[in-house]
Amino acid sequence: MAGTRFRVLRVDEIEALLDLLDGWPFPDDQSGRSFFRRYVELDPAFEPRNVWVAERGGELVSCVQIFPRRVRIGGEVLPMGGIGSVFTRPDARRRGVAGSLLERAIAAMGESGMVLSYLLAERLRWYGQYGYRPWSRGWRTLRWPAGARAETPNARRYDAERDRSDVERLWRLYAEGAGGAPLDGIVDRGSPEEWQASYRLAGTPKEDIWIADGGTHATAYLRVADFNGLLRVLEWGRERDGAAALRELVAAALTGRNVESIRLPLIRDEALERLLASAGARIDTRPAWNEVPPGARPPATWMVRSLDDEALAVRLGMANEDDILARCLPPERFAFWEADRF
């Protein structure tokens, strides 16, 4: 690492950062520059001081970005730092550069008062060296039998002017337990700017939102997106008695895309799943990180790290003993919407 300088990004280096990230390989025609530009221009929490870079010979060779967020756990809203945009130019790899940047980012998150950090990774062992632990349970895929489409008379496409307030209401109801237990781990959207960012940063611009129209108000909503030909649920929400309405939206989304499978979120909804099963649908579970055979490539997995056990315990009113992270956010209850990924 001789001759490498580690520091935060300067305001006048945004284009240089995007030049670096343009080297990120994408499977479709999208460029790294266009993908990551959204996180610079559309995320209201973006600040150059939250991007750590390595400079060598006057050029940026590596970067790590902190995404300031707040997450809901145990009825509290806690400051969290997401980690993303981790990239090193090929000629600078295997020299400890990215690890040095990640260590600086971890220290900076702690100094700013964040108590937790999330990231999505396949390199579980590498991130594990820096205190991150696998925390999600694998993926699930819903397969709908051909020719068994359900009637969807109440399903329609989202209208921003008409439906925005209903979606926000249903999101809060669901977060607070309308689908069963309260959701621990999801990103809190407390302002109009954060809601707008969620719609614009959901991993792909090819997003559809479906609404179950109850006449005077919406009773459920579903956000789906096409990732390289694979339909994925980014988020859903419903009223307490709205499982049937949500099932109708799943059927409408499949029909609307003319596909027979869709990847479901990690967040479980048992009433919805019973209704889907009764309609002939099958849910296949992809192995979680700890179920992958030796030598096989692990799935992309959400990893979590406590940045300050004592502060976490104080904020949640718990004793700082044993494994505070596992006690306050058990992996089996960890909830995170793909609409909030970074």
Protein backbone atom coordinates (compact mmCIF):
# COMPACT_ATOMS: atom_id res chain seq x y z
CA MET A 1 0.00 0.00 0.00
CA ALA A 2 3.01 2.26 -0.24
CA GLY A 3 2.09 5.54 -1.89
CA THR A 4 -1.63 5.05 -1.22
CA ARG A 5 -3.52 7.78 0.60
CA PHE A 6 -6.80 7.11 2.43
CA ARG A 7 -9.25 9.96 2.89
CA VAL A 8 -12.84 11.10 2.34
CA LEU A 9 -14.06 12.14 -1.07
CA ARG A 10 -13.78 15.81 -2.01
CA VAL A 11 -16.80 17.66 -3.39
CA ASP A 12 -15.06 18.20 -6.71
CA GLU A 13 -14.35 14.46 -7.17
CA ILE A 14 -17.87 13.15 -7.88
CA GLU A 15 -17.12 12.48 -11.55
CA ALA A 16 -13.81 10.81 -10.65
CA LEU A 17 -15.71 8.55 -8.24
CA LEU A 18 -18.18 7.62 -10.98
CA ASP A 19 -15.28 6.98 -13.37
CA LEU A 20 -13.93 4.47 -10.84
CA LEU A 21 -17.32 2.81 -10.30
CA ASP A 22 -17.87 2.56 -14.04
CA GLY A 23 -15.49 -0.40 -13.86
CA TRP A 24 -18.14 -2.38 -11.94
CA PRO A 25 -19.37 -5.15 -14.28
CA PHE A 26 -23.11 -5.37 -14.87
CA PRO A 27 -24.80 -8.31 -16.64
CA ASP A 28 -27.04 -6.09 -18.78
CA ASP A 29 -26.37 -2.97 -20.81
CA GLN A 30 -26.37 -0.72 -17.75
CA SER A 31 -23.12 1.02 -16.92
CA GLY A 32 -21.64 1.31 -13.47
CA ARG A 33 -21.56 5.07 -13.93
CA SER A 34 -25.31 5.37 -14.54
CA PHE A 35 -26.21 2.90 -11.78
CA PHE A 36 -24.14 4.55 -9.07
CA ARG A 37 -24.95 8.10 -10.17
CA ARG A 38 -28.43 7.55 -8.71
CA TYR A 39 -26.92 7.09 -5.26
CA VAL A 40 -25.09 10.38 -5.64
CA GLU A 41 -27.86 12.50 -7.12
CA LEU A 42 -31.07 10.97 -5.75
CA ASP A 43 -30.21 9.95 -2.18
CA PRO A 44 -30.95 12.90 0.16
CA ALA A 45 -28.48 11.45 2.69
CA PHE A 46 -25.54 11.49 0.27
CA GLU A 47 -22.54 13.55 1.35
CA PRO A 48 -18.97 13.31 0.00
CA ARG A 49 -17.68 12.96 3.57
CA ASN A 50 -19.49 9.60 3.75
CA VAL A 51 -17.42 8.18 0.89
CA TRP A 52 -13.96 6.88 1.78
CA VAL A 53 -11.50 6.62 -1.09
CA ALA A 54 -7.98 5.41 -1.70
CA GLU A 55 -5.83 7.63 -3.91
CA ARG A 56 -2.64 6.54 -5.62
CA GLY A 57 -0.66 8.54 -8.16
CA GLY A 58 -3.34 11.22 -8.21
CA GLU A 59 -6.09 8.72 -9.15
CA LEU A 60 -8.88 7.08 -7.16
CA VAL A 61 -8.31 3.32 -6.99
CA SER A 62 -10.84 2.16 -4.37
CA CYS A 63 -13.96 3.37 -2.56
CA VAL A 64 -16.40 2.49 0.22
CA GLN A 65 -19.63 4.41 0.75
CA ILE A 66 -21.59 4.89 3.98
CA PHE A 67 -25.37 5.18 3.59
CA PRO A 68 -26.84 6.91 6.67
CA ARG A 69 -30.17 5.35 7.56
CA ARG A 70 -32.43 4.76 10.56
CA VAL A 71 -33.85 1.33 11.39
CA ARG A 72 -36.79 0.23 13.51
CA ILE A 73 -36.02 -2.28 16.28
CA GLY A 74 -38.11 -3.00 19.36
CA GLY A 75 -40.26 0.07 18.83
CA GLU A 76 -37.22 2.35 18.66
CA VAL A 77 -35.66 4.08 15.67
CA LEU A 78 -31.87 3.70 15.70
CA PRO A 79 -29.12 5.30 13.56
CA MET A 80 -27.58 2.79 11.15
CA GLY A 81 -24.87 2.97 8.51
CA GLY A 82 -25.27 0.92 5.38
CA ILE A 83 -22.11 -0.06 3.52
CA GLY A 84 -22.12 -0.19 -0.26
CA SER A 85 -20.31 0.86 -3.44
CA VAL A 86 -17.29 -1.19 -2.30
CA PHE A 87 -15.04 -1.33 -5.33
CA THR A 88 -11.31 -1.51 -6.05
CA ARG A 89 -9.66 -1.09 -9.41
CA PRO A 90 -8.25 -4.47 -10.56
CA ASP A 91 -4.62 -3.30 -10.49
CA ALA A 92 -4.96 -2.26 -6.82
CA ARG A 93 -6.57 -5.44 -5.47
CA ARG A 94 -5.16 -7.95 -2.96
CA ARG A 95 -3.12 -5.30 -1.19
CA GLY A 96 -5.41 -4.57 1.76
CA VAL A 97 -6.70 -1.32 0.24
CA ALA A 98 -10.45 -2.06 0.51
CA GLY A 99 -10.02 -3.44 4.03
CA SER A 100 -8.25 -0.27 5.14
CA LEU A 101 -11.08 1.83 3.72
CA LEU A 102 -13.71 -0.35 5.42
CA GLU A 103 -11.95 0.01 8.77
CA ARG A 104 -11.99 3.79 8.39
CA ALA A 105 -15.66 3.75 7.43
CA ILE A 106 -16.52 1.62 10.48
CA ALA A 107 -14.68 4.05 12.75
CA ALA A 108 -16.41 7.03 11.11
CA MET A 109 -19.87 5.47 11.58
CA GLY A 110 -19.18 4.90 15.27
CA GLU A 111 -17.90 8.44 15.74
CA SER A 112 -21.07 9.83 14.13
CA GLY A 113 -23.31 7.97 16.63
CA MET A 114 -24.47 5.08 14.46
CA VAL A 115 -25.01 1.93 16.51
CA LEU A 116 -25.51 -0.63 13.72
CA SER A 117 -24.22 -1.30 10.23
CA TYR A 118 -25.70 -3.42 7.41
CA LEU A 119 -24.29 -4.64 4.12
CA LEU A 120 -25.22 -7.12 1.37
CA ALA A 121 -22.40 -9.47 0.39
CA GLU A 122 -21.28 -12.75 -1.11
CA ARG A 123 -17.77 -12.50 0.36
CA LEU A 124 -18.97 -13.48 3.81
CA ARG A 125 -15.59 -14.56 5.15
CA TRP A 126 -13.89 -11.34 4.04
CA TYR A 127 -16.47 -9.07 5.66
CA GLY A 128 -16.46 -11.34 8.69
CA GLN A 129 -12.89 -10.20 9.37
CA TYR A 130 -14.31 -6.75 10.09
CA GLY A 131 -17.01 -7.81 12.52
CA TYR A 132 -19.94 -8.37 10.14
CA ARG A 133 -22.09 -11.44 10.67
CA PRO A 134 -24.47 -13.17 8.21
CA TRP A 135 -27.98 -12.30 9.32
CA SER A 136 -30.48 -13.32 6.63
CA ARG A 137 -32.19 -16.61 5.88
CA GLY A 138 -31.83 -17.16 2.14
CA TRP A 139 -34.30 -16.35 -0.61
CA ARG A 140 -37.71 -17.75 -1.45
CA THR A 141 -39.32 -18.15 -4.86
CA LEU A 142 -43.06 -18.37 -5.45
CA ARG A 143 -44.01 -20.59 -8.40
CA TRP A 144 -47.53 -20.22 -9.74
CA PRO A 145 -48.88 -23.14 -11.79
CA ALA A 146 -49.40 -22.38 -15.48
CA GLY A 147 -53.02 -21.68 -16.32
CA ALA A 148 -54.01 -21.19 -12.68
CA ARG A 149 -54.19 -17.38 -12.67
CA ALA A 150 -56.50 -15.98 -10.02
CA GLU A 151 -59.11 -13.32 -10.74
CA THR A 152 -57.81 -9.86 -9.83
CA PRO A 153 -60.77 -7.46 -10.09
CA ASN A 154 -59.53 -5.13 -7.35
CA ALA A 155 -55.92 -4.85 -8.52
CA ARG A 156 -54.77 -1.76 -10.37
CA ARG A 157 -51.60 0.18 -11.03
CA TYR A 158 -50.35 2.80 -8.60
CA ASP A 159 -51.31 6.43 -9.10
CA ALA A 160 -48.90 8.72 -7.21
CA GLU A 161 -51.36 11.52 -6.57
CA ARG A 162 -54.16 9.22 -5.47
CA ASP A 163 -52.27 6.48 -3.65
CA ARG A 164 -49.14 7.92 -2.04
CA SER A 165 -50.71 8.55 1.36
CA ASP A 166 -52.37 5.11 1.37
CA VAL A 167 -49.07 3.36 0.64
CA GLU A 168 -47.39 5.22 3.49
CA ARG A 169 -50.26 4.32 5.82
CA LEU A 170 -50.13 0.66 4.85
CA TRP A 171 -46.32 0.61 5.21
CA ARG A 172 -46.64 1.87 8.79
CA LEU A 173 -49.46 -0.54 9.66
CA TYR A 174 -47.41 -3.45 8.37
CA ALA A 175 -44.24 -2.28 10.10
CA GLU A 176 -46.17 -2.16 13.36
CA GLY A 177 -47.52 -5.70 12.99
CA ALA A 178 -50.54 -5.80 10.65
CA GLY A 179 -49.08 -8.93 9.03
CA GLY A 180 -48.21 -10.62 12.32
CA ALA A 181 -45.30 -9.45 14.47
CA PRO A 182 -43.77 -5.96 14.22
CA LEU A 183 -40.93 -5.78 11.69
CA ASP A 184 -37.51 -5.44 13.31
CA GLY A 185 -34.69 -4.23 11.11
CA ILE A 186 -36.48 -2.31 8.37
CA VAL A 187 -35.38 1.16 7.33
CA ASP A 188 -37.57 3.90 8.77
CA ARG A 189 -38.95 6.43 6.28
CA GLY A 190 -39.79 9.45 8.37
CA SER A 191 -39.86 12.24 5.81
CA PRO A 192 -41.24 12.91 2.30
CA GLU A 193 -37.66 13.06 1.02
CA GLU A 194 -36.94 9.57 2.35
CA TRP A 195 -40.09 8.20 0.76
CA GLN A 196 -39.21 9.79 -2.55
CA ALA A 197 -35.70 8.36 -2.32
CA SER A 198 -37.14 4.90 -1.70
CA TYR A 199 -39.12 5.09 -4.93
CA ARG A 200 -36.12 6.31 -6.91
CA LEU A 201 -33.39 4.11 -5.40
CA ALA A 202 -35.07 0.71 -5.33
CA GLY A 203 -32.34 -1.09 -7.27
CA THR A 204 -33.88 -0.67 -10.70
CA PRO A 205 -35.96 1.90 -12.58
CA LYS A 206 -38.19 -0.92 -13.90
CA GLU A 207 -40.49 -0.97 -10.89
CA ASP A 208 -44.25 -1.52 -10.76
CA ILE A 209 -46.51 -0.77 -7.81
CA TRP A 210 -49.84 -2.56 -7.55
CA ILE A 211 -52.74 -1.38 -5.42
CA ALA A 212 -55.68 -3.37 -4.02
CA ASP A 213 -58.57 -0.94 -4.32
CA GLY A 214 -61.01 -1.20 -1.43
CA GLY A 215 -63.32 1.47 -2.82
CA THR A 216 -62.69 4.33 -0.41
CA HIS A 217 -59.04 3.45 0.25
CA ALA A 218 -56.33 0.95 -0.62
CA THR A 219 -56.20 -2.23 1.46
CA ALA A 220 -52.83 -3.58 0.25
CA TYR A 221 -49.92 -2.67 -2.01
CA LEU A 222 -47.10 -4.54 -3.72
CA ARG A 223 -43.86 -3.23 -5.24
CA VAL A 224 -42.16 -5.47 -7.82
CA ALA A 225 -39.23 -5.04 -10.19
CA ASP A 226 -37.55 -6.91 -13.02
CA PHE A 227 -33.88 -7.66 -12.31
CA ASN A 228 -32.39 -9.04 -15.51
CA GLY A 229 -35.52 -11.02 -16.30
CA LEU A 230 -36.17 -12.18 -12.72
CA LEU A 231 -39.26 -10.68 -11.08
CA ARG A 232 -38.69 -9.73 -7.45
CA VAL A 233 -40.94 -8.34 -4.73
CA LEU A 234 -39.29 -5.23 -3.31
CA GLU A 235 -41.87 -4.61 -0.63
CA TRP A 236 -45.47 -5.18 0.34
CA GLY A 237 -47.96 -4.02 2.95
CA ARG A 238 -51.57 -4.58 3.90
CA GLU A 239 -54.25 -3.92 6.45
CA ARG A 240 -54.63 -6.48 9.20
CA ASP A 241 -57.42 -8.29 7.32
CA GLY A 242 -55.88 -7.65 3.90
CA ALA A 243 -54.08 -10.95 3.19
CA ALA A 244 -56.55 -11.89 0.43
CA ALA A 245 -56.08 -8.49 -1.18
CA LEU A 246 -52.31 -8.93 -1.11
CA ARG A 247 -52.62 -12.39 -2.67
CA GLU A 248 -54.62 -10.80 -5.48
CA LEU A 249 -51.81 -8.33 -6.08
CA VAL A 250 -49.22 -11.11 -6.31
CA ALA A 251 -51.36 -12.79 -8.96
CA ALA A 252 -51.80 -9.48 -10.81
CA ALA A 253 -48.05 -8.83 -10.82
CA LEU A 254 -47.35 -12.26 -12.28
CA THR A 255 -50.04 -11.83 -14.92
CA GLY A 256 -48.86 -8.32 -15.71
CA ARG A 257 -45.35 -9.59 -16.46
CA ASN A 258 -46.53 -12.91 -17.97
CA VAL A 259 -44.22 -14.97 -15.79
CA GLU A 260 -44.83 -17.95 -13.51
CA SER A 261 -42.40 -17.25 -10.67
CA ILE A 262 -41.45 -14.34 -8.47
CA ARG A 263 -38.84 -13.98 -5.73
CA LEU A 264 -40.36 -13.15 -2.36
CA PRO A 265 -38.91 -11.00 0.41
CA LEU A 266 -37.42 -12.51 3.56
CA ILE A 267 -40.27 -10.96 5.52
CA ARG A 268 -42.80 -13.75 6.13
CA ASP A 269 -46.56 -13.32 6.03
CA GLU A 270 -48.14 -16.61 7.14
CA ALA A 271 -51.72 -15.64 6.31
CA LEU A 272 -50.66 -14.65 2.80
CA GLU A 273 -48.66 -17.84 2.33
CA ARG A 274 -51.63 -19.99 3.34
CA LEU A 275 -53.79 -18.26 0.73
CA LEU A 276 -51.13 -18.65 -1.93
CA ALA A 277 -50.80 -22.36 -1.15
CA SER A 278 -54.57 -22.82 -1.37
CA ALA A 279 -54.42 -21.29 -4.87
CA GLY A 280 -51.90 -23.94 -5.94
CA ALA A 281 -48.76 -21.84 -5.62
CA ARG A 282 -45.52 -23.38 -4.32
CA ILE A 283 -42.81 -21.57 -2.37
CA ASP A 284 -39.26 -22.88 -2.79
CA THR A 285 -36.64 -21.76 -0.31
CA ARG A 286 -33.08 -21.18 -1.46
CA PRO A 287 -30.53 -22.27 1.15
CA ALA A 288 -29.42 -19.68 3.65
CA TRP A 289 -25.74 -18.82 4.06
CA ASN A 290 -25.21 -21.54 6.69
CA GLU A 291 -26.85 -24.26 4.57
CA VAL A 292 -24.69 -23.94 1.45
CA PRO A 293 -22.60 -27.09 0.73
CA PRO A 294 -18.83 -26.72 1.24
CA GLY A 295 -17.18 -25.21 -1.82
CA ALA A 296 -20.45 -23.86 -3.25
CA ARG A 297 -20.91 -20.14 -3.80
CA PRO A 298 -23.02 -18.60 -1.03
CA PRO A 299 -26.05 -16.48 -1.93
CA ALA A 300 -25.91 -12.72 -1.49
CA THR A 301 -26.56 -12.33 2.22
CA TRP A 302 -27.40 -9.43 4.48
CA MET A 303 -24.72 -9.01 7.13
CA VAL A 304 -25.04 -6.98 10.34
CA ARG A 305 -22.51 -5.50 12.75
CA SER A 306 -22.96 -3.77 16.08
CA LEU A 307 -20.89 -0.59 16.14
CA ASP A 308 -21.43 0.11 19.84
CA ASP A 309 -22.90 -2.60 22.11
CA GLU A 310 -23.31 -0.26 25.05
CA ALA A 311 -25.11 2.44 23.07
CA LEU A 312 -27.31 -0.20 21.45
CA ALA A 313 -28.29 -1.60 24.86
CA VAL A 314 -29.04 1.87 26.25
CA ARG A 315 -31.20 2.86 23.28
CA LEU A 316 -33.24 -0.34 23.59
CA GLY A 317 -33.40 -0.39 27.39
CA MET A 318 -31.60 -3.74 27.59
CA ALA A 319 -28.70 -5.01 29.66
CA ASN A 320 -25.42 -5.09 27.75
CA GLU A 321 -24.68 -8.75 28.30
CA ASP A 322 -24.29 -11.94 26.30
CA ASP A 323 -24.79 -11.24 22.58
CA ILE A 324 -26.75 -7.98 22.58
CA LEU A 325 -27.13 -7.97 18.78
CA ALA A 326 -28.63 -11.46 18.65
CA ARG A 327 -30.94 -10.61 21.55
CA CYS A 328 -32.34 -7.40 20.10
CA LEU A 329 -32.38 -8.47 16.43
CA PRO A 330 -32.54 -12.27 16.17
CA PRO A 331 -31.63 -13.47 12.66
CA GLU A 332 -34.91 -15.40 12.41
CA ARG A 333 -36.81 -12.11 12.87
CA PHE A 334 -34.51 -9.88 10.81
CA ALA A 335 -36.61 -7.91 8.32
CA PHE A 336 -35.35 -5.75 5.49
CA TRP A 337 -37.18 -4.54 2.39
CA GLU A 338 -35.30 -4.84 -0.88
CA ALA A 339 -36.74 -1.42 -1.77
CA ASP A 340 -34.33 0.01 0.81
CA ARG A 341 -31.16 -1.73 -0.38
CA PHE A 342 -28.06 0.34 -1.02
